[in-house]
Amino acid sequence: MKESGSIMKKLAESPAGEILAIAALITVTVVADKITDRLKEIMSEKQPPLIDIIYKEDK
């Protein structure tokens, strides 16, 4: 555990690690935005009901 922690610490301190962190943040933001847009499209679509219900009036 200590070895992986020291590797992560060195990576975070290096300029390359900072660039990777920024790139990962941008990627996650873009993916989350696309997922949100797709969910909005799905929720706004008019879909026919799965079960047809017929109401009969008693005379």
Protein backbone atom coordinates (compact mmCIF):
# COMPACT_ATOMS: atom_id res chain seq x y z
CA MET A 1 0.00 0.00 0.00
CA LYS A 2 2.81 2.41 0.80
CA GLU A 3 4.40 1.91 -2.62
CA SER A 4 1.24 2.78 -4.54
CA GLY A 5 0.69 5.79 -2.30
CA SER A 6 4.17 7.12 -2.97
CA ILE A 7 3.75 6.55 -6.72
CA MET A 8 0.47 8.47 -6.70
CA LYS A 9 2.03 11.25 -4.66
CA LYS A 10 4.94 11.58 -7.10
CA LEU A 11 2.55 11.52 -10.06
CA ALA A 12 0.38 14.23 -8.51
CA GLU A 13 3.41 16.42 -7.85
CA SER A 14 4.81 16.16 -11.38
CA PRO A 15 3.69 18.41 -14.25
CA ALA A 16 2.64 15.33 -16.23
CA GLY A 17 0.45 14.24 -13.34
CA GLU A 18 -1.24 17.62 -13.24
CA ILE A 19 -1.89 17.46 -16.98
CA LEU A 20 -3.35 13.96 -16.60
CA ALA A 21 -5.57 15.13 -13.75
CA ILE A 22 -6.87 18.07 -15.79
CA ALA A 23 -7.45 15.85 -18.83
CA ALA A 24 -9.33 13.33 -16.69
CA LEU A 25 -11.48 16.09 -15.19
CA ILE A 26 -12.36 17.46 -18.63
CA THR A 27 -13.15 13.97 -19.93
CA VAL A 28 -15.42 13.17 -17.00
CA THR A 29 -17.20 16.50 -17.40
CA VAL A 30 -17.83 15.95 -21.12
CA VAL A 31 -19.07 12.39 -20.60
CA ALA A 32 -21.39 13.44 -17.78
CA ASP A 33 -22.78 16.25 -19.96
CA LYS A 34 -23.46 13.84 -22.83
CA ILE A 35 -25.18 11.39 -20.50
CA THR A 36 -27.33 14.21 -19.10
CA ASP A 37 -28.32 15.34 -22.60
CA ARG A 38 -29.25 11.81 -23.63
CA LEU A 39 -31.33 11.29 -20.48
CA LYS A 40 -33.19 14.54 -21.20
CA GLU A 41 -33.92 13.33 -24.73
CA ILE A 42 -35.22 9.99 -23.46
CA MET A 43 -37.44 11.64 -20.85
CA SER A 44 -38.95 14.10 -23.33
CA GLU A 45 -39.81 11.51 -26.01
CA LYS A 46 -43.47 10.75 -26.44
CA GLN A 47 -43.77 7.00 -26.26
CA PRO A 48 -46.93 5.02 -26.77
CA PRO A 49 -48.21 3.27 -23.66
CA LEU A 50 -47.04 -0.27 -23.16
CA ILE A 51 -50.55 -1.48 -22.37
CA ASP A 52 -53.68 -0.34 -24.20
CA ILE A 53 -56.60 0.26 -21.87
CA ILE A 54 -60.12 0.42 -23.24
CA TYR A 55 -62.75 2.08 -21.09
CA LYS A 56 -66.33 0.93 -21.55
CA GLU A 57 -69.27 2.99 -20.40
CA ASP A 58 -72.21 1.22 -18.78
CA LYS A 59 -75.57 2.15 -20.33
